[in-house]
């Protein structure tokens, strides 16, 4: 029994003897590491301590992110649709409805009368302008006679033209409803209604009944009265270029038959006043286009 106890005592003593050097060596390594760390931080204890805190804090955050980050699966990723304007749209959102193209405005065609239309009881004014065409007739009783204002304006224009060597004359101005009836019927008898409707108005539809329409020609050149060739003469060119200065417009310009309803008439001028005449001349439009009818 004494030998056994002696053996156990020696074993425990030997173990303690081995642990002590290991412990001392570990402590030495730790101390050396601490001393080296302080040396790397310029022997500043406070600086060394803060760096240790940063390393510990960073490792802790990285570990937390790895454990809480969701798996990158289709169930966890919400897809997004980017439209042309870089706006985010959630899946399932209906795309904006495409804008419908604007309907084209049908081309105006005033060449035909409104069949069955009855003459009105009062004349029609649009934008304070008296209108007479194939869509807007006059009452059969409307009888104002020749406009004094229009006659005065023509006289001023004729005086200016005379200074430039042209002697103008208004060979046809106001026509009554009855006079237009006889004139139109003769044209229909001679050329047929379809042809007559292109250059002569039916009774009640004539601008001459307003007293504001002046058929203009040159004295001693009667062969060009009511002729397209008047526009080719020097006098006709002068009137076309200067009539607006006195309040007149060429009522039926070339190439505008669908809008005015009548073929080109280089001799037919309508008094509308200086301001409106200037605007129509400047824009190179017709009275219908100016009035938007």
Protein backbone atom coordinates (compact mmCIF):
# COMPACT_ATOMS: atom_id res chain seq x y z
CA UNK A 1 0.00 0.00 0.00
CA UNK A 2 2.86 2.37 0.73
CA UNK A 3 4.41 1.71 -2.67
CA UNK A 4 1.20 2.50 -4.47
CA UNK A 5 0.75 5.84 -2.76
CA UNK A 6 4.35 6.70 -3.37
CA UNK A 7 3.88 5.99 -7.09
CA UNK A 8 0.75 8.18 -7.36
CA UNK A 9 2.51 11.00 -5.58
CA UNK A 10 5.43 10.86 -7.96
CA UNK A 11 3.07 10.82 -11.03
CA UNK A 12 1.16 13.88 -9.87
CA UNK A 13 4.42 15.62 -9.10
CA UNK A 14 5.75 14.81 -12.57
CA UNK A 15 2.51 16.18 -14.23
CA UNK A 16 2.70 19.42 -12.30
CA UNK A 17 6.28 19.74 -13.33
CA UNK A 18 5.35 19.44 -17.00
CA UNK A 19 2.34 21.88 -16.85
CA UNK A 20 4.33 24.70 -15.34
CA UNK A 21 6.83 25.07 -18.18
CA UNK A 22 3.97 24.92 -20.78
CA UNK A 23 2.05 27.59 -18.93
CA UNK A 24 5.10 29.78 -18.70
CA UNK A 25 5.82 29.31 -22.40
CA UNK A 26 2.16 30.24 -23.33
CA UNK A 27 2.28 33.31 -21.16
CA UNK A 28 5.55 34.25 -22.74
CA UNK A 29 4.08 33.95 -26.22
CA UNK A 30 1.04 36.05 -25.25
CA UNK A 31 3.25 38.67 -23.63
CA UNK A 32 5.47 38.76 -26.70
CA UNK A 33 2.41 39.19 -28.90
CA UNK A 34 1.08 42.03 -26.75
CA UNK A 35 4.45 43.73 -26.74
CA UNK A 36 4.72 43.31 -30.55
CA UNK A 37 1.17 44.71 -31.05
CA UNK A 38 1.97 47.74 -28.88
CA UNK A 39 5.17 48.21 -30.84
CA UNK A 40 3.30 48.17 -34.14
CA UNK A 41 1.08 50.97 -32.80
CA UNK A 42 3.96 53.24 -31.87
CA UNK A 43 4.04 52.00 -28.24
CA UNK A 44 0.70 53.78 -27.68
CA UNK A 45 -1.45 51.69 -25.33
CA UNK A 46 -4.70 53.60 -26.06
CA UNK A 47 -4.25 53.29 -29.82
CA UNK A 48 -3.55 49.56 -29.51
CA UNK A 49 -6.69 49.03 -27.44
CA UNK A 50 -8.93 50.87 -29.95
CA UNK A 51 -7.62 48.75 -32.83
CA UNK A 52 -8.40 45.59 -30.92
CA UNK A 53 -11.98 46.86 -30.40
CA UNK A 54 -12.38 47.58 -34.14
CA UNK A 55 -11.22 44.10 -35.13
CA UNK A 56 -13.56 42.44 -32.65
CA UNK A 57 -16.55 44.62 -33.71
CA UNK A 58 -15.96 43.97 -37.43
CA UNK A 59 -15.76 40.21 -36.98
CA UNK A 60 -18.97 40.23 -34.98
CA UNK A 61 -20.89 42.16 -37.68
CA UNK A 62 -19.66 39.92 -40.46
CA UNK A 63 -20.80 36.86 -38.56
CA UNK A 64 -24.24 38.40 -37.97
CA UNK A 65 -24.68 39.35 -41.66
CA UNK A 66 -23.85 35.84 -42.78
CA UNK A 67 -26.47 34.32 -40.48
CA UNK A 68 -29.30 36.80 -41.25
CA UNK A 69 -28.82 37.29 -45.02
CA UNK A 70 -31.68 35.58 -46.99
CA UNK A 71 -30.90 33.01 -49.63
CA UNK A 72 -30.81 34.40 -53.19
CA UNK A 73 -33.75 32.39 -54.53
CA UNK A 74 -36.65 33.27 -56.86
CA UNK A 75 -38.96 33.21 -53.85
CA UNK A 76 -36.91 35.87 -52.00
CA UNK A 77 -35.97 38.13 -54.92
CA UNK A 78 -38.72 40.50 -56.20
CA UNK A 79 -38.24 41.24 -59.86
CA UNK A 80 -38.78 44.79 -61.18
CA UNK A 81 -39.70 46.09 -64.63
CA UNK A 82 -38.09 49.31 -65.82
CA UNK A 83 -40.13 51.24 -68.35
CA UNK A 84 -38.85 53.69 -70.97
CA UNK A 85 -39.00 56.56 -68.47
CA UNK A 86 -36.83 54.64 -65.93
CA UNK A 87 -39.78 54.34 -63.56
CA UNK A 88 -40.06 51.19 -61.47
CA UNK A 89 -43.18 49.13 -61.99
CA UNK A 90 -44.17 46.25 -59.75
CA UNK A 91 -44.89 42.89 -61.39
CA UNK A 92 -48.51 42.57 -62.38
CA UNK A 93 -49.01 46.29 -62.93
CA UNK A 94 -50.80 46.96 -66.18
CA UNK A 95 -48.81 48.80 -68.80
CA UNK A 96 -50.09 52.32 -69.59
CA UNK A 97 -52.55 52.37 -72.45
CA UNK A 98 -51.00 53.53 -75.69
CA UNK A 99 -52.16 56.95 -76.84
CA UNK A 100 -54.58 56.78 -79.71
CA UNK A 101 -53.50 58.72 -82.81
CA UNK A 102 -55.50 61.85 -83.40
CA UNK A 103 -58.10 61.49 -86.09
CA UNK A 104 -57.18 63.35 -89.22
CA UNK A 105 -59.35 66.31 -90.07
CA UNK A 106 -61.21 65.52 -93.28
CA UNK A 107 -60.31 67.76 -96.18
CA UNK A 108 -62.78 70.55 -96.65
CA UNK A 109 -64.76 70.40 -99.87
CA UNK A 110 -67.24 73.23 -100.39
CA UNK A 111 -67.78 72.69 -104.11
CA UNK A 112 -71.31 71.38 -103.69
CA UNK A 113 -74.45 73.01 -102.37
CA UNK A 114 -76.42 71.53 -99.50
CA UNK A 115 -79.32 70.16 -101.47
CA UNK A 116 -82.74 70.96 -100.02
CA UNK A 117 -81.37 73.79 -97.89
CA UNK A 118 -83.86 76.60 -97.35
CA UNK A 119 -82.80 80.24 -97.51
CA UNK A 120 -82.51 81.84 -94.04
CA UNK A 121 -84.54 84.75 -92.75
CA UNK A 122 -81.42 86.65 -91.67
CA UNK A 123 -77.93 86.92 -93.21
CA UNK A 124 -75.07 85.08 -91.50
CA UNK A 125 -72.20 86.86 -89.77
CA UNK A 126 -69.13 84.96 -88.53
CA UNK A 127 -66.52 86.92 -86.57
CA UNK A 128 -68.54 90.01 -87.49
CA UNK A 129 -68.00 89.27 -91.19
CA UNK A 130 -70.97 88.84 -93.54
CA UNK A 131 -70.60 85.52 -95.34
CA UNK A 132 -72.26 84.26 -98.52
CA UNK A 133 -71.15 80.97 -100.06
CA UNK A 134 -72.58 77.56 -100.98
CA UNK A 135 -73.11 76.64 -97.34
CA UNK A 136 -74.27 80.03 -96.02
CA UNK A 137 -76.92 81.63 -98.28
CA UNK A 138 -78.65 84.98 -97.89
CA UNK A 139 -82.37 85.68 -97.50
CA UNK A 140 -84.09 86.30 -100.81
CA UNK A 141 -85.28 89.63 -99.37
CA UNK A 142 -81.79 90.82 -98.43
CA UNK A 143 -81.21 93.91 -100.58
CA UNK A 144 -78.60 96.33 -99.14
CA UNK A 145 -77.43 97.78 -102.47
CA UNK A 146 -73.79 98.60 -103.16
CA UNK A 147 -71.76 99.26 -100.01
CA UNK A 148 -70.75 102.91 -99.71
CA UNK A 149 -67.72 101.95 -97.65
CA UNK A 150 -66.58 99.49 -100.28
CA UNK A 151 -67.11 102.03 -103.07
CA UNK A 152 -64.98 104.63 -101.24
CA UNK A 153 -62.22 102.10 -100.74
CA UNK A 154 -62.31 101.16 -104.42
CA UNK A 155 -62.12 104.80 -105.43
CA UNK A 156 -58.94 105.21 -103.34
CA UNK A 157 -57.45 102.10 -104.90
CA UNK A 158 -58.33 103.26 -108.42
CA UNK A 159 -56.69 106.62 -107.74
CA UNK A 160 -53.48 104.91 -106.56
CA UNK A 161 -53.50 102.61 -109.59
CA UNK A 162 -53.90 105.58 -111.94
CA UNK A 163 -50.68 107.07 -110.56
CA UNK A 164 -48.97 103.87 -111.67
CA UNK A 165 -50.55 104.03 -115.14
CA UNK A 166 -53.61 101.77 -114.71
CA UNK A 167 -57.23 102.91 -115.05
CA UNK A 168 -59.41 100.52 -113.09
CA UNK A 169 -63.17 100.06 -113.27
CA UNK A 170 -65.64 98.04 -111.19
CA UNK A 171 -67.85 96.70 -113.98
CA UNK A 172 -70.16 94.66 -111.66
CA UNK A 173 -70.91 95.17 -107.97
CA UNK A 174 -74.29 94.73 -106.25
CA UNK A 175 -76.81 92.30 -107.77
CA UNK A 176 -80.29 91.67 -106.42
CA UNK A 177 -81.73 88.22 -105.80
CA UNK A 178 -83.95 88.52 -108.88
CA UNK A 179 -81.10 89.66 -111.13
CA UNK A 180 -78.94 86.72 -110.00
CA UNK A 181 -81.80 84.34 -110.71
CA UNK A 182 -81.98 85.38 -114.36
CA UNK A 183 -78.18 85.38 -114.75
CA UNK A 184 -77.73 81.89 -113.29
CA UNK A 185 -80.54 80.42 -115.38
CA UNK A 186 -78.95 81.71 -118.58
CA UNK A 187 -75.62 80.12 -117.63
CA UNK A 188 -77.31 76.79 -116.87
CA UNK A 189 -79.13 76.90 -120.20
CA UNK A 190 -75.86 77.58 -122.00
CA UNK A 191 -73.37 75.32 -120.11
CA UNK A 192 -75.46 73.04 -117.88
CA UNK A 193 -75.92 73.23 -114.12
CA UNK A 194 -72.71 71.34 -113.21
CA UNK A 195 -70.49 73.74 -115.14
CA UNK A 196 -72.50 76.82 -114.13
CA UNK A 197 -72.14 75.94 -110.44
CA UNK A 198 -68.38 76.28 -110.74
CA UNK A 199 -68.40 79.93 -111.83
CA UNK A 200 -71.84 81.34 -111.03
CA UNK A 201 -73.81 81.34 -107.78
CA UNK A 202 -77.38 80.22 -107.47
CA UNK A 203 -79.83 82.93 -106.41
CA UNK A 204 -79.45 83.65 -102.71
CA UNK A 205 -75.86 82.35 -102.63
CA UNK A 206 -74.13 85.14 -104.55
CA UNK A 207 -71.58 87.42 -102.87
CA UNK A 208 -72.72 90.18 -105.18
CA UNK A 209 -76.01 90.28 -103.26
CA UNK A 210 -74.05 91.52 -100.21
CA UNK A 211 -73.05 94.71 -102.05
CA UNK A 212 -69.42 94.03 -100.99
CA UNK A 213 -68.21 92.13 -104.08
CA UNK A 214 -66.53 94.12 -106.88
CA UNK A 215 -65.65 92.68 -110.29
CA UNK A 216 -62.63 94.71 -111.38
CA UNK A 217 -61.21 95.30 -114.84
CA UNK A 218 -59.16 97.82 -116.79
CA UNK A 219 -60.64 100.54 -118.97
CA UNK A 220 -60.12 99.87 -122.69
CA UNK A 221 -59.38 96.22 -121.96
CA UNK A 222 -62.97 95.01 -121.82
CA UNK A 223 -61.98 91.73 -123.50
CA UNK A 224 -60.50 90.72 -120.15
CA UNK A 225 -63.62 91.48 -118.12
CA UNK A 226 -64.61 88.36 -116.14
CA UNK A 227 -61.68 86.54 -117.70
CA UNK A 228 -58.88 84.60 -116.02
CA UNK A 229 -56.51 86.40 -118.39
CA UNK A 230 -57.07 89.61 -116.42
CA UNK A 231 -54.72 88.22 -113.79
CA UNK A 232 -51.98 87.97 -116.43
CA UNK A 233 -52.20 91.64 -117.38
CA UNK A 234 -50.09 94.29 -115.66
CA UNK A 235 -53.24 95.90 -114.28
CA UNK A 236 -54.46 92.58 -112.92
CA UNK A 237 -51.11 91.93 -111.27
CA UNK A 238 -51.19 95.38 -109.69
CA UNK A 239 -54.65 94.78 -108.20
CA UNK A 240 -53.68 91.34 -106.87
CA UNK A 241 -50.62 92.82 -105.13
CA UNK A 242 -52.24 95.99 -103.74
CA UNK A 243 -55.96 95.38 -103.15
CA UNK A 244 -55.43 94.38 -99.49
CA UNK A 245 -54.06 97.86 -98.75
CA UNK A 246 -57.58 99.18 -99.37
CA UNK A 247 -59.53 96.39 -97.67
CA UNK A 248 -60.14 94.05 -100.62
CA UNK A 249 -59.20 90.38 -101.01
CA UNK A 250 -59.16 88.18 -104.10
CA UNK A 251 -62.19 86.10 -103.19
CA UNK A 252 -61.51 83.01 -105.29
CA UNK A 253 -57.74 82.40 -105.53
CA UNK A 254 -56.16 79.82 -107.79
CA UNK A 255 -56.06 76.26 -106.44
CA UNK A 256 -58.66 76.91 -103.73
CA UNK A 257 -61.81 75.64 -105.44
CA UNK A 258 -62.48 72.94 -102.83
CA UNK A 259 -62.44 75.59 -100.12
CA UNK A 260 -64.28 78.47 -101.78
CA UNK A 261 -66.61 76.37 -103.94
CA UNK A 262 -65.73 78.28 -107.11
CA UNK A 263 -63.07 78.24 -109.79
CA UNK A 264 -60.32 80.84 -109.79
CA UNK A 265 -61.57 84.35 -110.60
CA UNK A 266 -58.77 86.88 -110.93
CA UNK A 267 -61.25 89.75 -111.29
CA UNK A 268 -63.56 89.07 -108.30
CA UNK A 269 -62.61 90.99 -105.15
CA UNK A 270 -64.45 91.23 -101.84
CA UNK A 271 -64.30 94.11 -99.39
CA UNK A 272 -63.65 92.98 -95.80
CA UNK A 273 -61.85 95.99 -94.32
CA UNK A 274 -58.14 96.77 -94.19
CA UNK A 275 -57.23 94.80 -91.03
CA UNK A 276 -58.81 91.52 -92.14
CA UNK A 277 -57.61 91.96 -95.72
CA UNK A 278 -54.01 92.39 -94.53
CA UNK A 279 -54.22 89.24 -92.41
CA UNK A 280 -55.69 87.14 -95.22
CA UNK A 281 -53.12 88.44 -97.72
CA UNK A 282 -50.24 87.86 -95.31
CA UNK A 283 -51.26 84.24 -94.66
CA UNK A 284 -52.22 83.62 -98.31
CA UNK A 285 -55.55 82.09 -97.28
CA UNK A 286 -59.20 82.38 -98.26
CA UNK A 287 -62.07 83.99 -96.39
CA UNK A 288 -63.37 80.53 -95.46
CA UNK A 289 -60.01 79.62 -93.94
CA UNK A 290 -59.86 82.90 -92.04
CA UNK A 291 -63.36 82.33 -90.66
CA UNK A 292 -62.60 78.62 -90.09
CA UNK A 293 -65.70 77.39 -91.90
